[in-house]
Amino acid sequence: MAITVSLVLLFGLVLFFLLRSNSLSWGSAFIAVMFGFFLASTGASGPINELATDVIKAIPNL
């Protein structure tokens, strides 16, 4: 749970700074957020969470 919240905050900050620097339009940001929202409600959310957890666990071993 803590990793998921941290990743949401990280991706939210990246999205915020992309919007501030005009590298991303508001329409594209809306599409990205809606894609993530609907992706989270599919069966793909389990493997995506497992992949993210495995990558985070592997980083200290590099």
N, C-alpha and C. Protein backbone atom coordinates (compact mmCIF):
# COMPACT_ATOMS: atom_id res chain seq x y z
N MET A 1 0.82 -1.19 0.00
CA MET A 1 0.00 0.00 0.00
C MET A 1 0.86 1.25 0.00
N ALA A 2 1.92 1.27 0.80
CA ALA A 2 2.77 2.46 0.89
C ALA A 2 3.47 2.72 -0.44
N ILE A 3 3.86 1.65 -1.13
CA ILE A 3 4.53 1.82 -2.43
C ILE A 3 3.56 2.40 -3.44
N THR A 4 2.33 1.94 -3.44
CA THR A 4 1.33 2.42 -4.39
C THR A 4 1.07 3.90 -4.18
N VAL A 5 0.91 4.32 -2.93
CA VAL A 5 0.67 5.73 -2.65
C VAL A 5 1.88 6.56 -3.08
N SER A 6 3.07 6.07 -2.82
CA SER A 6 4.27 6.79 -3.21
C SER A 6 4.36 6.95 -4.73
N LEU A 7 4.04 5.89 -5.46
CA LEU A 7 4.09 5.96 -6.92
C LEU A 7 3.02 6.91 -7.45
N VAL A 8 1.86 6.92 -6.83
CA VAL A 8 0.81 7.85 -7.25
C VAL A 8 1.29 9.28 -7.04
N LEU A 9 1.91 9.56 -5.92
CA LEU A 9 2.43 10.90 -5.67
C LEU A 9 3.55 11.25 -6.65
N LEU A 10 4.43 10.30 -6.92
CA LEU A 10 5.52 10.54 -7.86
C LEU A 10 4.99 10.86 -9.25
N PHE A 11 4.09 10.03 -9.75
CA PHE A 11 3.53 10.26 -11.07
C PHE A 11 2.69 11.53 -11.10
N GLY A 12 2.03 11.85 -10.03
CA GLY A 12 1.28 13.10 -9.94
C GLY A 12 2.19 14.31 -10.03
N LEU A 13 3.33 14.25 -9.34
CA LEU A 13 4.30 15.35 -9.41
C LEU A 13 4.89 15.50 -10.80
N VAL A 14 5.22 14.38 -11.43
CA VAL A 14 5.75 14.44 -12.80
C VAL A 14 4.73 15.05 -13.74
N LEU A 15 3.48 14.64 -13.61
CA LEU A 15 2.41 15.19 -14.45
C LEU A 15 2.25 16.68 -14.19
N PHE A 16 2.31 17.09 -12.93
CA PHE A 16 2.19 18.51 -12.58
C PHE A 16 3.31 19.33 -13.23
N PHE A 17 4.55 18.85 -13.13
CA PHE A 17 5.67 19.61 -13.70
C PHE A 17 5.64 19.61 -15.23
N LEU A 18 5.16 18.54 -15.84
CA LEU A 18 5.00 18.54 -17.29
C LEU A 18 3.96 19.57 -17.72
N LEU A 19 2.90 19.69 -16.95
CA LEU A 19 1.88 20.69 -17.26
C LEU A 19 2.43 22.10 -17.05
N ARG A 20 3.21 22.31 -15.99
CA ARG A 20 3.78 23.64 -15.70
C ARG A 20 4.77 24.08 -16.78
N SER A 21 5.51 23.14 -17.34
CA SER A 21 6.52 23.49 -18.33
C SER A 21 5.95 23.49 -19.75
N ASN A 22 4.65 23.31 -19.86
CA ASN A 22 3.96 23.27 -21.16
C ASN A 22 4.49 22.17 -22.07
N SER A 23 5.06 21.12 -21.49
CA SER A 23 5.49 19.96 -22.26
C SER A 23 4.32 19.03 -22.54
N LEU A 24 3.24 19.25 -21.83
CA LEU A 24 2.07 18.38 -21.93
C LEU A 24 0.84 19.28 -21.88
N SER A 25 -0.08 19.07 -22.79
CA SER A 25 -1.29 19.89 -22.78
C SER A 25 -2.29 19.33 -21.77
N TRP A 26 -3.28 20.14 -21.44
CA TRP A 26 -4.30 19.72 -20.48
C TRP A 26 -5.11 18.55 -21.03
N GLY A 27 -5.35 18.54 -22.32
CA GLY A 27 -6.09 17.43 -22.93
C GLY A 27 -5.33 16.12 -22.81
N SER A 28 -4.04 16.16 -23.07
CA SER A 28 -3.20 14.96 -22.95
C SER A 28 -3.12 14.49 -21.51
N ALA A 29 -3.04 15.43 -20.58
CA ALA A 29 -3.00 15.07 -19.17
C ALA A 29 -4.30 14.40 -18.75
N PHE A 30 -5.42 14.91 -19.23
CA PHE A 30 -6.72 14.31 -18.91
C PHE A 30 -6.79 12.88 -19.45
N ILE A 31 -6.33 12.69 -20.67
CA ILE A 31 -6.33 11.36 -21.27
C ILE A 31 -5.45 10.41 -20.46
N ALA A 32 -4.28 10.87 -20.03
CA ALA A 32 -3.36 10.04 -19.25
C ALA A 32 -3.99 9.65 -17.91
N VAL A 33 -4.63 10.59 -17.25
CA VAL A 33 -5.26 10.30 -15.96
C VAL A 33 -6.43 9.33 -16.13
N MET A 34 -7.24 9.55 -17.13
CA MET A 34 -8.38 8.67 -17.35
C MET A 34 -7.93 7.26 -17.75
N PHE A 35 -6.86 7.17 -18.55
CA PHE A 35 -6.32 5.86 -18.90
C PHE A 35 -5.87 5.11 -17.64
N GLY A 36 -5.15 5.80 -16.77
CA GLY A 36 -4.71 5.17 -15.52
C GLY A 36 -5.87 4.77 -14.63
N PHE A 37 -6.89 5.62 -14.58
CA PHE A 37 -8.06 5.34 -13.76
C PHE A 37 -8.78 4.08 -14.25
N PHE A 38 -9.00 3.99 -15.55
CA PHE A 38 -9.70 2.83 -16.08
C PHE A 38 -8.81 1.59 -16.11
N LEU A 39 -7.52 1.76 -16.28
CA LEU A 39 -6.60 0.62 -16.24
C LEU A 39 -6.59 -0.01 -14.86
N ALA A 40 -6.72 0.82 -13.82
CA ALA A 40 -6.71 0.31 -12.46
C ALA A 40 -7.91 -0.59 -12.16
N SER A 41 -8.98 -0.43 -12.92
CA SER A 41 -10.17 -1.24 -12.66
C SER A 41 -10.21 -2.50 -13.52
N THR A 42 -9.16 -2.78 -14.29
CA THR A 42 -9.13 -3.98 -15.12
C THR A 42 -8.31 -5.07 -14.43
N GLY A 43 -8.24 -6.20 -15.06
CA GLY A 43 -7.45 -7.31 -14.54
C GLY A 43 -5.95 -7.07 -14.67
N ALA A 44 -5.56 -6.05 -15.42
CA ALA A 44 -4.14 -5.76 -15.60
C ALA A 44 -3.53 -5.07 -14.39
N SER A 45 -4.36 -4.60 -13.46
CA SER A 45 -3.82 -3.86 -12.32
C SER A 45 -2.97 -4.75 -11.41
N GLY A 46 -3.34 -6.02 -11.26
CA GLY A 46 -2.56 -6.93 -10.41
C GLY A 46 -1.14 -7.14 -10.92
N PRO A 47 -0.98 -7.55 -12.20
CA PRO A 47 0.38 -7.72 -12.71
C PRO A 47 1.20 -6.42 -12.75
N ILE A 48 0.53 -5.30 -13.00
CA ILE A 48 1.25 -4.02 -13.01
C ILE A 48 1.76 -3.69 -11.61
N ASN A 49 0.93 -3.91 -10.59
CA ASN A 49 1.37 -3.67 -9.21
C ASN A 49 2.50 -4.61 -8.82
N GLU A 50 2.41 -5.87 -9.23
CA GLU A 50 3.48 -6.83 -8.93
C GLU A 50 4.78 -6.43 -9.61
N LEU A 51 4.69 -6.00 -10.87
CA LEU A 51 5.89 -5.57 -11.60
C LEU A 51 6.52 -4.36 -10.92
N ALA A 52 5.71 -3.39 -10.55
CA ALA A 52 6.24 -2.19 -9.89
C ALA A 52 6.90 -2.55 -8.56
N THR A 53 6.27 -3.45 -7.80
CA THR A 53 6.84 -3.89 -6.53
C THR A 53 8.17 -4.61 -6.73
N ASP A 54 8.23 -5.49 -7.72
CA ASP A 54 9.46 -6.23 -8.01
C ASP A 54 10.59 -5.30 -8.44
N VAL A 55 10.27 -4.32 -9.26
CA VAL A 55 11.29 -3.36 -9.71
C VAL A 55 11.81 -2.56 -8.52
N ILE A 56 10.90 -2.11 -7.66
CA ILE A 56 11.32 -1.33 -6.49
C ILE A 56 12.18 -2.17 -5.55
N LYS A 57 11.85 -3.45 -5.39
CA LYS A 57 12.65 -4.34 -4.55
C LYS A 57 14.01 -4.63 -5.17
N ALA A 58 14.11 -4.59 -6.51
CA ALA A 58 15.37 -4.91 -7.19
C ALA A 58 16.32 -3.71 -7.23
N ILE A 59 15.82 -2.51 -7.08
CA ILE A 59 16.68 -1.31 -7.18
C ILE A 59 17.82 -1.32 -6.17
N PRO A 60 17.59 -1.64 -4.90
CA PRO A 60 18.72 -1.64 -3.95
C PRO A 60 19.80 -2.67 -4.29
N ASN A 61 19.47 -3.71 -5.05
CA ASN A 61 20.43 -4.75 -5.37
C ASN A 61 21.29 -4.44 -6.59
N LEU A 62 21.07 -3.29 -7.21
CA LEU A 62 21.85 -2.94 -8.39
C LEU A 62 23.25 -2.55 -8.06
